[in-house]
Amino acid sequence: QVQLVESGGGSVQAGGSLRLSCAASGSRFSTAVMGWYRQVPGKQRELVATLTSGGSANYADSVKGRFTISRDNAKNTVYLQMSSLKPEDTAVYYCNAIHWGIVYWGQGTQVTVSS
């Protein structure tokens, strides 16, 4: 059974940094497109960043220059380094994987940025 487990969320002041991790189990995800999305109550889940197996990254305009997505295929893990955090980055962050046409989601991790 495939599972994505996020960690690294928490509370931080504006301007601070956090690193989220997403560990995949149950399958090898080296060929998957991995990504991070976020959602606040009452709003649709939105893309934060994606990363292909070939290393091509895509970012939402709101996080460009502040967030960096990376992956360690040997550890089956994808990371999201978040810097210069803003209160508007507050959300539940979800890990996502698209593997052999199937979409997987993690359970989410809360990130709260205070001003």
PDB file of N, CA and C in Angstrom:
ATOM      1  N   GLN A   1       0.857  -1.193   0.000  1.00  0.00           N
ATOM      2  CA  GLN A   1       0.000   0.000   0.000  1.00  0.00           C
ATOM      3  C   GLN A   1       0.888   1.237   0.000  1.00  0.00           C
ATOM      4  N   VAL A   2       0.593   2.162  -0.907  1.00  0.00           N
ATOM      5  CA  VAL A   2       1.386   3.373  -1.027  1.00  0.00           C
ATOM      6  C   VAL A   2       0.969   4.370   0.042  1.00  0.00           C
ATOM      7  N   GLN A   3       1.954   4.960   0.688  1.00  0.00           N
ATOM      8  CA  GLN A   3       1.683   5.989   1.685  1.00  0.00           C
ATOM      9  C   GLN A   3       2.646   7.147   1.511  1.00  0.00           C
ATOM     10  N   LEU A   4       2.131   8.355   1.707  1.00  0.00           N
ATOM     11  CA  LEU A   4       2.956   9.559   1.756  1.00  0.00           C
ATOM     12  C   LEU A   4       2.781  10.155   3.135  1.00  0.00           C
ATOM     13  N   VAL A   5       3.880  10.373   3.830  1.00  0.00           N
ATOM     14  CA  VAL A   5       3.817  10.881   5.192  1.00  0.00           C
ATOM     15  C   VAL A   5       4.631  12.165   5.289  1.00  0.00           C
ATOM     16  N   GLU A   6       3.929  13.272   5.587  1.00  0.00           N
ATOM     17  CA  GLU A   6       4.596  14.564   5.711  1.00  0.00           C
ATOM     18  C   GLU A   6       5.069  14.783   7.138  1.00  0.00           C
ATOM     19  N   SER A   7       6.083  15.601   7.261  1.00  0.00           N
ATOM     20  CA  SER A   7       6.569  16.037   8.574  1.00  0.00           C
ATOM     21  C   SER A   7       7.250  17.381   8.406  1.00  0.00           C
ATOM     22  N   GLY A   8       7.486  18.049   9.525  1.00  0.00           N
ATOM     23  CA  GLY A   8       8.233  19.299   9.491  1.00  0.00           C
ATOM     24  C   GLY A   8       7.397  20.553   9.632  1.00  0.00           C
ATOM     25  N   GLY A   9       6.083  20.414   9.681  1.00  0.00           N
ATOM     26  CA  GLY A   9       5.251  21.588   9.866  1.00  0.00           C
ATOM     27  C   GLY A   9       5.385  22.145  11.267  1.00  0.00           C
ATOM     28  N   GLY A  10       4.803  23.309  11.467  1.00  0.00           N
ATOM     29  CA  GLY A  10       4.858  23.920  12.788  1.00  0.00           C
ATOM     30  C   GLY A  10       4.531  25.391  12.713  1.00  0.00           C
ATOM     31  N   SER A  11       4.881  26.085  13.785  1.00  0.00           N
ATOM     32  CA  SER A  11       4.630  27.518  13.882  1.00  0.00           C
ATOM     33  C   SER A  11       5.940  28.277  13.813  1.00  0.00           C
ATOM     34  N   VAL A  12       5.918  29.383  13.097  1.00  0.00           N
ATOM     35  CA  VAL A  12       7.122  30.187  12.934  1.00  0.00           C
ATOM     36  C   VAL A  12       6.707  31.640  12.757  1.00  0.00           C
ATOM     37  N   GLN A  13       7.594  32.546  13.096  1.00  0.00           N
ATOM     38  CA  GLN A  13       7.308  33.958  12.887  1.00  0.00           C
ATOM     39  C   GLN A  13       7.611  34.350  11.448  1.00  0.00           C
ATOM     40  N   ALA A  14       6.981  35.406  11.018  1.00  0.00           N
ATOM     41  CA  ALA A  14       7.211  35.912   9.670  1.00  0.00           C
ATOM     42  C   ALA A  14       8.702  36.173   9.458  1.00  0.00           C
ATOM     43  N   GLY A  15       9.174  35.784   8.276  1.00  0.00           N
ATOM     44  CA  GLY A  15      10.597  35.901   7.976  1.00  0.00           C
ATOM     45  C   GLY A  15      11.393  34.658   8.287  1.00  0.00           C
ATOM     46  N   GLY A  16      10.785  33.730   8.989  1.00  0.00           N
ATOM     47  CA  GLY A  16      11.466  32.505   9.378  1.00  0.00           C
ATOM     48  C   GLY A  16      11.442  31.450   8.287  1.00  0.00           C
ATOM     49  N   SER A  17      11.972  30.283   8.642  1.00  0.00           N
ATOM     50  CA  SER A  17      12.095  29.185   7.687  1.00  0.00           C
ATOM     51  C   SER A  17      11.583  27.884   8.291  1.00  0.00           C
ATOM     52  N   LEU A  18      11.133  27.017   7.420  1.00  0.00           N
ATOM     53  CA  LEU A  18      10.757  25.654   7.786  1.00  0.00           C
ATOM     54  C   LEU A  18      11.117  24.740   6.621  1.00  0.00           C
ATOM     55  N   ARG A  19      11.379  23.478   6.933  1.00  0.00           N
ATOM     56  CA  ARG A  19      11.570  22.492   5.886  1.00  0.00           C
ATOM     57  C   ARG A  19      10.582  21.351   6.078  1.00  0.00           C
ATOM     58  N   LEU A  20       9.773  21.126   5.073  1.00  0.00           N
ATOM     59  CA  LEU A  20       8.838  20.018   5.084  1.00  0.00           C
ATOM     60  C   LEU A  20       9.459  18.814   4.389  1.00  0.00           C
ATOM     61  N   SER A  21       9.128  17.642   4.906  1.00  0.00           N
ATOM     62  CA  SER A  21       9.576  16.389   4.297  1.00  0.00           C
ATOM     63  C   SER A  21       8.376  15.518   3.994  1.00  0.00           C
ATOM     64  N   CYS A  22       8.486  14.725   2.964  1.00  0.00           N
ATOM     65  CA  CYS A  22       7.442  13.780   2.597  1.00  0.00           C
ATOM     66  C   CYS A  22       8.108  12.464   2.232  1.00  0.00           C
ATOM     67  N   ALA A  23       7.890  11.479   3.065  1.00  0.00           N
ATOM     68  CA  ALA A  23       8.475  10.161   2.838  1.00  0.00           C
ATOM     69  C   ALA A  23       7.443   9.246   2.193  1.00  0.00           C
ATOM     70  N   ALA A  24       7.813   8.651   1.081  1.00  0.00           N
ATOM     71  CA  ALA A  24       6.924   7.738   0.364  1.00  0.00           C
ATOM     72  C   ALA A  24       7.289   6.297   0.694  1.00  0.00           C
ATOM     73  N   SER A  25       6.295   5.496   0.876  1.00  0.00           N
ATOM     74  CA  SER A  25       6.526   4.080   1.134  1.00  0.00           C
ATOM     75  C   SER A  25       5.561   3.250   0.306  1.00  0.00           C
ATOM     76  N   GLY A  26       5.928   2.003   0.077  1.00  0.00           N
ATOM     77  CA  GLY A  26       5.055   1.106  -0.649  1.00  0.00           C
ATOM     78  C   GLY A  26       5.370   1.000  -2.123  1.00  0.00           C
ATOM     79  N   SER A  27       6.201   1.913  -2.607  1.00  0.00           N
ATOM     80  CA  SER A  27       6.590   1.849  -4.011  1.00  0.00           C
ATOM     81  C   SER A  27       7.797   2.743  -4.199  1.00  0.00           C
ATOM     82  N   ARG A  28       8.520   2.503  -5.298  1.00  0.00           N
ATOM     83  CA  ARG A  28       9.627   3.390  -5.616  1.00  0.00           C
ATOM     84  C   ARG A  28       9.092   4.561  -6.420  1.00  0.00           C
ATOM     85  N   PHE A  29       9.384   5.767  -5.972  1.00  0.00           N
ATOM     86  CA  PHE A  29       8.830   6.951  -6.596  1.00  0.00           C
ATOM     87  C   PHE A  29       9.855   7.729  -7.411  1.00  0.00           C
ATOM     88  N   SER A  30      10.936   7.086  -7.790  1.00  0.00           N
ATOM     89  CA  SER A  30      11.989   7.814  -8.499  1.00  0.00           C
ATOM     90  C   SER A  30      11.514   8.354  -9.843  1.00  0.00           C
ATOM     91  N   THR A  31      10.477   7.733 -10.426  1.00  0.00           N
ATOM     92  CA  THR A  31       9.977   8.212 -11.721  1.00  0.00           C
ATOM     93  C   THR A  31       8.718   9.063 -11.574  1.00  0.00           C
ATOM     94  N   ALA A  32       8.278   9.288 -10.346  1.00  0.00           N
ATOM     95  CA  ALA A  32       7.037  10.026 -10.132  1.00  0.00           C
ATOM     96  C   ALA A  32       7.263  11.526 -10.181  1.00  0.00           C
ATOM     97  N   VAL A  33       6.215  12.231 -10.539  1.00  0.00           N
ATOM     98  CA  VAL A  33       6.201  13.678 -10.349  1.00  0.00           C
ATOM     99  C   VAL A  33       5.747  13.921  -8.913  1.00  0.00           C
ATOM    100  N   MET A  34       6.577  14.601  -8.163  1.00  0.00           N
ATOM    101  CA  MET A  34       6.269  14.878  -6.756  1.00  0.00           C
ATOM    102  C   MET A  34       5.924  16.348  -6.607  1.00  0.00           C
ATOM    103  N   GLY A  35       5.089  16.640  -5.632  1.00  0.00           N
ATOM    104  CA  GLY A  35       4.716  18.032  -5.465  1.00  0.00           C
ATOM    105  C   GLY A  35       4.212  18.352  -4.083  1.00  0.00           C
ATOM    106  N   TRP A  36       4.043  19.626  -3.860  1.00  0.00           N
ATOM    107  CA  TRP A  36       3.460  20.156  -2.625  1.00  0.00           C
ATOM    108  C   TRP A  36       2.302  21.073  -2.994  1.00  0.00           C
ATOM    109  N   TYR A  37       1.222  20.923  -2.257  1.00  0.00           N
ATOM    110  CA  TYR A  37       0.052  21.773  -2.393  1.00  0.00           C
ATOM    111  C   TYR A  37      -0.295  22.294  -1.009  1.00  0.00           C
ATOM    112  N   ARG A  38      -1.143  23.325  -0.960  1.00  0.00           N
ATOM    113  CA  ARG A  38      -1.579  23.841   0.323  1.00  0.00           C
ATOM    114  C   ARG A  38      -3.029  24.262   0.255  1.00  0.00           C
ATOM    115  N   GLN A  39      -3.636  24.279   1.433  1.00  0.00           N
ATOM    116  CA  GLN A  39      -5.058  24.610   1.501  1.00  0.00           C
ATOM    117  C   GLN A  39      -5.361  25.323   2.812  1.00  0.00           C
ATOM    118  N   VAL A  40      -6.168  26.374   2.696  1.00  0.00           N
ATOM    119  CA  VAL A  40      -6.687  27.060   3.872  1.00  0.00           C
ATOM    120  C   VAL A  40      -8.189  26.827   3.911  1.00  0.00           C
ATOM    121  N   PRO A  41      -8.778  26.884   5.088  1.00  0.00           N
ATOM    122  CA  PRO A  41     -10.220  26.620   5.201  1.00  0.00           C
ATOM    123  C   PRO A  41     -11.036  27.528   4.287  1.00  0.00           C
ATOM    124  N   GLY A  42     -11.968  26.931   3.570  1.00  0.00           N
ATOM    125  CA  GLY A  42     -12.850  27.695   2.706  1.00  0.00           C
ATOM    126  C   GLY A  42     -12.297  27.983   1.325  1.00  0.00           C
ATOM    127  N   LYS A  43     -11.070  27.532   1.083  1.00  0.00           N
ATOM    128  CA  LYS A  43     -10.471  27.779  -0.232  1.00  0.00           C
ATOM    129  C   LYS A  43     -10.048  26.464  -0.874  1.00  0.00           C
ATOM    130  N   GLN A  44      -9.872  26.511  -2.183  1.00  0.00           N
ATOM    131  CA  GLN A  44      -9.422  25.322  -2.901  1.00  0.00           C
ATOM    132  C   GLN A  44      -7.951  25.059  -2.615  1.00  0.00           C
ATOM    133  N   ARG A  45      -7.614  23.782  -2.713  1.00  0.00           N
ATOM    134  CA  ARG A  45      -6.211  23.409  -2.580  1.00  0.00           C
ATOM    135  C   ARG A  45      -5.446  23.984  -3.775  1.00  0.00           C
ATOM    136  N   GLU A  46      -4.276  24.544  -3.503  1.00  0.00           N
ATOM    137  CA  GLU A  46      -3.527  25.182  -4.569  1.00  0.00           C
ATOM    138  C   GLU A  46      -2.122  24.609  -4.661  1.00  0.00           C
ATOM    139  N   LEU A  47      -1.605  24.625  -5.875  1.00  0.00           N
ATOM    140  CA  LEU A  47      -0.257  24.131  -6.110  1.00  0.00           C
ATOM    141  C   LEU A  47       0.775  25.069  -5.502  1.00  0.00           C
ATOM    142  N   VAL A  48       1.769  24.480  -4.871  1.00  0.00           N
ATOM    143  CA  VAL A  48       2.904  25.249  -4.356  1.00  0.00           C
ATOM    144  C   VAL A  48       4.118  25.019  -5.248  1.00  0.00           C
ATOM    145  N   ALA A  49       4.454  23.741  -5.458  1.00  0.00           N
ATOM    146  CA  ALA A  49       5.618  23.407  -6.274  1.00  0.00           C
ATOM    147  C   ALA A  49       5.534  21.957  -6.717  1.00  0.00           C
ATOM    148  N   THR A  50       6.090  21.683  -7.885  1.00  0.00           N
ATOM    149  CA  THR A  50       6.205  20.310  -8.363  1.00  0.00           C
ATOM    150  C   THR A  50       7.614  20.064  -8.868  1.00  0.00           C
ATOM    151  N   LEU A  51       7.987  18.788  -8.911  1.00  0.00           N
ATOM    152  CA  LEU A  51       9.335  18.417  -9.342  1.00  0.00           C
ATOM    153  C   LEU A  51       9.260  17.092 -10.091  1.00  0.00           C
ATOM    154  N   THR A  52       9.721  17.112 -11.334  1.00  0.00           N
ATOM    155  CA  THR A  52       9.702  15.877 -12.119  1.00  0.00           C
ATOM    156  C   THR A  52      10.879  14.996 -11.747  1.00  0.00           C
ATOM    157  N   SER A  53      10.845  13.781 -12.243  1.00  0.00           N
ATOM    158  CA  SER A  53      11.956  12.864 -11.991  1.00  0.00           C
ATOM    159  C   SER A  53      13.237  13.351 -12.649  1.00  0.00           C
ATOM    160  N   GLY A  54      13.084  14.168 -13.696  1.00  0.00           N
ATOM    161  CA  GLY A  54      14.254  14.703 -14.370  1.00  0.00           C
ATOM    162  C   GLY A  54      14.815  15.960 -13.750  1.00  0.00           C
ATOM    163  N   GLY A  55      14.142  16.437 -12.703  1.00  0.00           N
ATOM    164  CA  GLY A  55      14.653  17.598 -11.982  1.00  0.00           C
ATOM    165  C   GLY A  55      14.060  18.931 -12.398  1.00  0.00           C
ATOM    166  N   SER A  56      13.008  18.904 -13.199  1.00  0.00           N
ATOM    167  CA  SER A  56      12.370  20.152 -13.608  1.00  0.00           C
ATOM    168  C   SER A  56      11.377  20.588 -12.543  1.00  0.00           C
ATOM    169  N   ALA A  57      11.586  21.798 -12.012  1.00  0.00           N
ATOM    170  CA  ALA A  57      10.746  22.315 -10.937  1.00  0.00           C
ATOM    171  C   ALA A  57       9.808  23.400 -11.454  1.00  0.00           C
ATOM    172  N   ASN A  58       8.642  23.448 -10.839  1.00  0.00           N
ATOM    173  CA  ASN A  58       7.645  24.464 -11.165  1.00  0.00           C
ATOM    174  C   ASN A  58       7.115  25.031  -9.857  1.00  0.00           C
ATOM    175  N   TYR A  59       6.979  26.352  -9.780  1.00  0.00           N
ATOM    176  CA  TYR A  59       6.548  26.996  -8.550  1.00  0.00           C
ATOM    177  C   TYR A  59       5.370  27.925  -8.799  1.00  0.00           C
ATOM    178  N   ALA A  60       4.525  28.042  -7.801  1.00  0.00           N
ATOM    179  CA  ALA A  60       3.510  29.086  -7.813  1.00  0.00           C
ATOM    180  C   ALA A  60       4.206  30.438  -7.740  1.00  0.00           C
ATOM    181  N   ASP A  61       3.629  31.433  -8.400  1.00  0.00           N
ATOM    182  CA  ASP A  61       4.241  32.756  -8.405  1.00  0.00           C
ATOM    183  C   ASP A  61       4.423  33.293  -6.991  1.00  0.00           C
ATOM    184  N   SER A  62       3.503  32.950  -6.112  1.00  0.00           N
ATOM    185  CA  SER A  62       3.526  33.494  -4.758  1.00  0.00           C
ATOM    186  C   SER A  62       4.698  32.988  -3.921  1.00  0.00           C
ATOM    187  N   VAL A  63       5.338  31.897  -4.347  1.00  0.00           N
ATOM    188  CA  VAL A  63       6.433  31.333  -3.556  1.00  0.00           C
ATOM    189  C   VAL A  63       7.772  31.357  -4.286  1.00  0.00           C
ATOM    190  N   LYS A  64       7.788  31.785  -5.536  1.00  0.00           N
ATOM    191  CA  LYS A  64       9.037  31.812  -6.292  1.00  0.00           C
ATOM    192  C   LYS A  64      10.078  32.657  -5.588  1.00  0.00           C
ATOM    193  N   GLY A  65      11.284  32.124  -5.521  1.00  0.00           N
ATOM    194  CA  GLY A  65      12.366  32.830  -4.875  1.00  0.00           C
ATOM    195  C   GLY A  65      12.418  32.640  -3.376  1.00  0.00           C
ATOM    196  N   ARG A  66      11.384  32.048  -2.797  1.00  0.00           N
ATOM    197  CA  ARG A  66      11.351  31.823  -1.343  1.00  0.00           C
ATOM    198  C   ARG A  66      11.331  30.336  -0.992  1.00  0.00           C
ATOM    199  N   PHE A  67      10.696  29.532  -1.821  1.00  0.00           N
ATOM    200  CA  PHE A  67      10.571  28.095  -1.563  1.00  0.00           C
ATOM    201  C   PHE A  67      11.412  27.314  -2.570  1.00  0.00           C
ATOM    202  N   THR A  68      11.934  26.175  -2.122  1.00  0.00           N
ATOM    203  CA  THR A  68      12.694  25.292  -2.996  1.00  0.00           C
ATOM    204  C   THR A  68      12.250  23.860  -2.777  1.00  0.00           C
ATOM    205  N   ILE A  69      11.882  23.196  -3.865  1.00  0.00           N
ATOM    206  CA  ILE A  69      11.506  21.785  -3.797  1.00  0.00           C
ATOM    207  C   ILE A  69      12.695  20.941  -4.237  1.00  0.00           C
ATOM    208  N   SER A  70      12.893  19.831  -3.557  1.00  0.00           N
ATOM    209  CA  SER A  70      13.987  18.933  -3.904  1.00  0.00           C
ATOM    210  C   SER A  70      13.568  17.505  -3.569  1.00  0.00           C
ATOM    211  N   ARG A  71      14.360  16.548  -4.035  1.00  0.00           N
ATOM    212  CA  ARG A  71      14.017  15.156  -3.762  1.00  0.00           C
ATOM    213  C   ARG A  71      15.279  14.338  -3.587  1.00  0.00           C
ATOM    214  N   ASP A  72      15.147  13.300  -2.800  1.00  0.00           N
ATOM    215  CA  ASP A  72      16.218  12.333  -2.607  1.00  0.00           C
ATOM    216  C   ASP A  72      15.627  10.976  -2.999  1.00  0.00           C
ATOM    217  N   ASN A  73      15.904  10.536  -4.195  1.00  0.00           N
ATOM    218  CA  ASN A  73      15.291   9.295  -4.681  1.00  0.00           C
ATOM    219  C   ASN A  73      15.763   8.077  -3.890  1.00  0.00           C
ATOM    220  N   ALA A  74      16.968   8.131  -3.386  1.00  0.00           N
ATOM    221  CA  ALA A  74      17.470   7.007  -2.601  1.00  0.00           C
ATOM    222  C   ALA A  74      16.667   6.830  -1.316  1.00  0.00           C
ATOM    223  N   LYS A  75      16.161   7.951  -0.793  1.00  0.00           N
ATOM    224  CA  LYS A  75      15.353   7.909   0.430  1.00  0.00           C
ATOM    225  C   LYS A  75      13.860   7.955   0.131  1.00  0.00           C
ATOM    226  N   ASN A  76      13.505   8.026  -1.162  1.00  0.00           N
ATOM    227  CA  ASN A  76      12.087   8.103  -1.523  1.00  0.00           C
ATOM    228  C   ASN A  76      11.406   9.269  -0.822  1.00  0.00           C
ATOM    229  N   THR A  77      12.091  10.405  -0.783  1.00  0.00           N
ATOM    230  CA  THR A  77      11.626  11.553  -0.010  1.00  0.00           C
ATOM    231  C   THR A  77      11.701  12.819  -0.850  1.00  0.00           C
ATOM    232  N   VAL A  78      10.696  13.673  -0.679  1.00  0.00           N
ATOM    233  CA  VAL A  78      10.698  14.984  -1.304  1.00  0.00           C
ATOM    234  C   VAL A  78      10.636  16.036  -0.199  1.00  0.00           C
ATOM    235  N   TYR A  79      11.290  17.152  -0.436  1.00  0.00           N
ATOM    236  CA  TYR A  79      11.398  18.212   0.564  1.00  0.00           C
ATOM    237  C   TYR A  79      10.844  19.521   0.014  1.00  0.00           C
ATOM    238  N   LEU A  80      10.430  20.378   0.929  1.00  0.00           N
ATOM    239  CA  LEU A  80      10.076  21.748   0.571  1.00  0.00           C
ATOM    240  C   LEU A  80      10.753  22.662   1.576  1.00  0.00           C
ATOM    241  N   GLN A  81      11.785  23.351   1.132  1.00  0.00           N
ATOM    242  CA  GLN A  81      12.465  24.335   1.972  1.00  0.00           C
ATOM    243  C   GLN A  81      11.743  25.659   1.805  1.00  0.00           C
ATOM    244  N   MET A  82      11.231  26.192   2.900  1.00  0.00           N
ATOM    245  CA  MET A  82      10.461  27.428   2.867  1.00  0.00           C
ATOM    246  C   MET A  82      11.210  28.493   3.649  1.00  0.00           C
ATOM    247  N   SER A  83      11.489  29.599   2.990  1.00  0.00           N
ATOM    248  CA  SER A  83      12.209  30.702   3.628  1.00  0.00           C
ATOM    249  C   SER A  83      11.409  31.986   3.468  1.00  0.00           C
ATOM    250  N   SER A  84      11.791  32.990   4.230  1.00  0.00           N
ATOM    251  CA  SER A  84      11.095  34.290   4.182  1.00  0.00           C
ATOM    252  C   SER A  84       9.586  34.088   4.263  1.00  0.00           C
ATOM    253  N   LEU A  85       9.176  33.291   5.211  1.00  0.00           N
ATOM    254  CA  LEU A  85       7.761  32.949   5.320  1.00  0.00           C
ATOM    255  C   LEU A  85       6.913  34.160   5.669  1.00  0.00           C
ATOM    256  N   LYS A  86       5.700  34.174   5.137  1.00  0.00           N
ATOM    257  CA  LYS A  86       4.752  35.258   5.343  1.00  0.00           C
ATOM    258  C   LYS A  86       3.491  34.698   6.004  1.00  0.00           C
ATOM    259  N   PRO A  87       2.730  35.536   6.691  1.00  0.00           N
ATOM    260  CA  PRO A  87       1.482  35.052   7.286  1.00  0.00           C
ATOM    261  C   PRO A  87       0.553  34.402   6.261  1.00  0.00           C
ATOM    262  N   GLU A  88       0.583  34.880   5.029  1.00  0.00           N
ATOM    263  CA  GLU A  88      -0.282  34.299   4.003  1.00  0.00           C
ATOM    264  C   GLU A  88       0.164  32.913   3.541  1.00  0.00           C
ATOM    265  N   ASP A  89       1.314  32.451   4.017  1.00  0.00           N
ATOM    266  CA  ASP A  89       1.747  31.083   3.741  1.00  0.00           C
ATOM    267  C   ASP A  89       1.094  30.091   4.708  1.00  0.00           C
ATOM    268  N   THR A  90       0.388  30.596   5.703  1.00  0.00           N
ATOM    269  CA  THR A  90      -0.286  29.730   6.661  1.00  0.00           C
ATOM    270  C   THR A  90      -1.306  28.844   5.956  1.00  0.00           C
ATOM    271  N   ALA A  91      -1.191  27.542   6.135  1.00  0.00           N
ATOM    272  CA  ALA A  91      -2.064  26.584   5.456  1.00  0.00           C
ATOM    273  C   ALA A  91      -1.712  25.175   5.919  1.00  0.00           C
ATOM    274  N   VAL A  92      -2.533  24.236   5.516  1.00  0.00           N
ATOM    275  CA  VAL A  92      -2.156  22.826   5.617  1.00  0.00           C
ATOM    276  C   VAL A  92      -1.453  22.468   4.305  1.00  0.00           C
ATOM    277  N   TYR A  93      -0.266  21.924   4.421  1.00  0.00           N
ATOM    278  CA  TYR A  93       0.532  21.573   3.257  1.00  0.00           C
ATOM    279  C   TYR A  93       0.439  20.071   3.011  1.00  0.00           C
ATOM    280  N   TYR A  94       0.166  19.724   1.763  1.00  0.00           N
ATOM    281  CA  TYR A  94      -0.020  18.324   1.378  1.00  0.00           C
ATOM    282  C   TYR A  94       1.038  17.902   0.369  1.00  0.00           C
ATOM    283  N   CYS A  95       1.572  16.736   0.585  1.00  0.00           N
ATOM    284  CA  CYS A  95       2.472  16.115  -0.367  1.00  0.00           C
ATOM    285  C   CYS A  95       1.647  15.383  -1.418  1.00  0.00           C
ATOM    286  N   ASN A  96       2.130  15.390  -2.632  1.00  0.00           N
ATOM    287  CA  ASN A  96       1.416  14.789  -3.758  1.00  0.00           C
ATOM    288  C   ASN A  96       2.403  14.019  -4.622  1.00  0.00           C
ATOM    289  N   ALA A  97       1.943  12.888  -5.146  1.00  0.00           N
ATOM    290  CA  ALA A  97       2.756  12.121  -6.085  1.00  0.00           C
ATOM    291  C   ALA A  97       1.872  11.608  -7.205  1.00  0.00           C
ATOM    292  N   ILE A  98       2.365  11.695  -8.414  1.00  0.00           N
ATOM    293  CA  ILE A  98       1.683  11.117  -9.569  1.00  0.00           C
ATOM    294  C   ILE A  98       2.590  10.025 -10.107  1.00  0.00           C
ATOM    295  N   HIS A  99       2.146   8.787  -9.947  1.00  0.00           N
ATOM    296  CA  HIS A  99       3.002   7.634 -10.221  1.00  0.00           C
ATOM    297  C   HIS A  99       2.220   6.625 -11.040  1.00  0.00           C
ATOM    298  N   TRP A 100       2.663   6.373 -12.271  1.00  0.00           N
ATOM    299  CA  TRP A 100       1.976   5.453 -13.167  1.00  0.00           C
ATOM    300  C   TRP A 100       0.498   5.838 -13.323  1.00  0.00           C
ATOM    301  N   GLY A 101       0.257   7.162 -13.404  1.00  0.00           N
ATOM    302  CA  GLY A 101      -1.094   7.653 -13.657  1.00  0.00           C
ATOM    303  C   GLY A 101      -1.998   7.715 -12.437  1.00  0.00           C
ATOM    304  N   ILE A 102      -1.482   7.313 -11.300  1.00  0.00           N
ATOM    305  CA  ILE A 102      -2.272   7.330 -10.070  1.00  0.00           C
ATOM    306  C   ILE A 102      -1.806   8.490  -9.198  1.00  0.00           C
ATOM    307  N   VAL A 103      -2.769   9.198  -8.626  1.00  0.00           N
ATOM    308  CA  VAL A 103      -2.459  10.352  -7.781  1.00  0.00           C
ATOM    309  C   VAL A 103      -2.544   9.937  -6.315  1.00  0.00           C
ATOM    310  N   TYR A 104      -1.526  10.268  -5.581  1.00  0.00           N
ATOM    311  CA  TYR A 104      -1.468   9.974  -4.153  1.00  0.00           C
ATOM    312  C   TYR A 104      -1.342  11.267  -3.364  1.00  0.00           C
ATOM    313  N   TRP A 105      -1.923  11.275  -2.171  1.00  0.00           N
ATOM    314  CA  TRP A 105      -1.857  12.434  -1.282  1.00  0.00           C
ATOM    315  C   TRP A 105      -1.421  11.989   0.112  1.00  0.00           C
ATOM    316  N   GLY A 106      -0.679  12.876   0.752  1.00  0.00           N
ATOM    317  CA  GLY A 106      -0.381  12.674   2.162  1.00  0.00           C
ATOM    318  C   GLY A 106      -1.519  13.214   3.009  1.00  0.00           C
ATOM    319  N   GLN A 107      -1.353  13.095   4.316  1.00  0.00           N
ATOM    320  CA  GLN A 107      -2.415  13.500   5.230  1.00  0.00           C
ATOM    321  C   GLN A 107      -2.377  14.992   5.557  1.00  0.00           C
ATOM    322  N   GLY A 108      -1.292  15.649   5.215  1.00  0.00           N
ATOM    323  CA  GLY A 108      -1.176  17.084   5.437  1.00  0.00           C
ATOM    324  C   GLY A 108      -0.429  17.427   6.713  1.00  0.00           C
ATOM    325  N   THR A 109       0.231  18.566   6.688  1.00  0.00           N
ATOM    326  CA  THR A 109       0.921  19.076   7.864  1.00  0.00           C
ATOM    327  C   THR A 109       0.667  20.583   7.960  1.00  0.00           C
ATOM    328  N   GLN A 110       0.361  21.042   9.165  1.00  0.00           N
ATOM    329  CA  GLN A 110      -0.002  22.439   9.361  1.00  0.00           C
ATOM    330  C   GLN A 110       1.236  23.319   9.434  1.00  0.00           C
ATOM    331  N   VAL A 111       1.185  24.425   8.703  1.00  0.00           N
ATOM    332  CA  VAL A 111       2.209  25.468   8.793  1.00  0.00           C
ATOM    333  C   VAL A 111       1.497  26.761   9.189  1.00  0.00           C
ATOM    334  N   THR A 112       1.956  27.361  10.277  1.00  0.00           N
ATOM    335  CA  THR A 112       1.364  28.597  10.764  1.00  0.00           C
ATOM    336  C   THR A 112       2.451  29.651  10.876  1.00  0.00           C
ATOM    337  N   VAL A 113       2.235  30.780  10.198  1.00  0.00           N
ATOM    338  CA  VAL A 113       3.210  31.872  10.215  1.00  0.00           C
ATOM    339  C   VAL A 113       2.561  33.074  10.884  1.00  0.00           C
ATOM    340  N   SER A 114       3.146  33.524  11.960  1.00  0.00           N
ATOM    341  CA  SER A 114       2.589  34.655  12.704  1.00  0.00           C
ATOM    342  C   SER A 114       3.345  35.933  12.358  1.00  0.00           C
ATOM    343  N   SER A 115       2.608  37.033  12.418  1.00  0.00           N
ATOM    344  CA  SER A 115       3.222  38.328  12.068  1.00  0.00           C
ATOM    345  C   SER A 115       3.838  38.986  13.280  1.00  0.00           C
TER     346      SER A 115
END
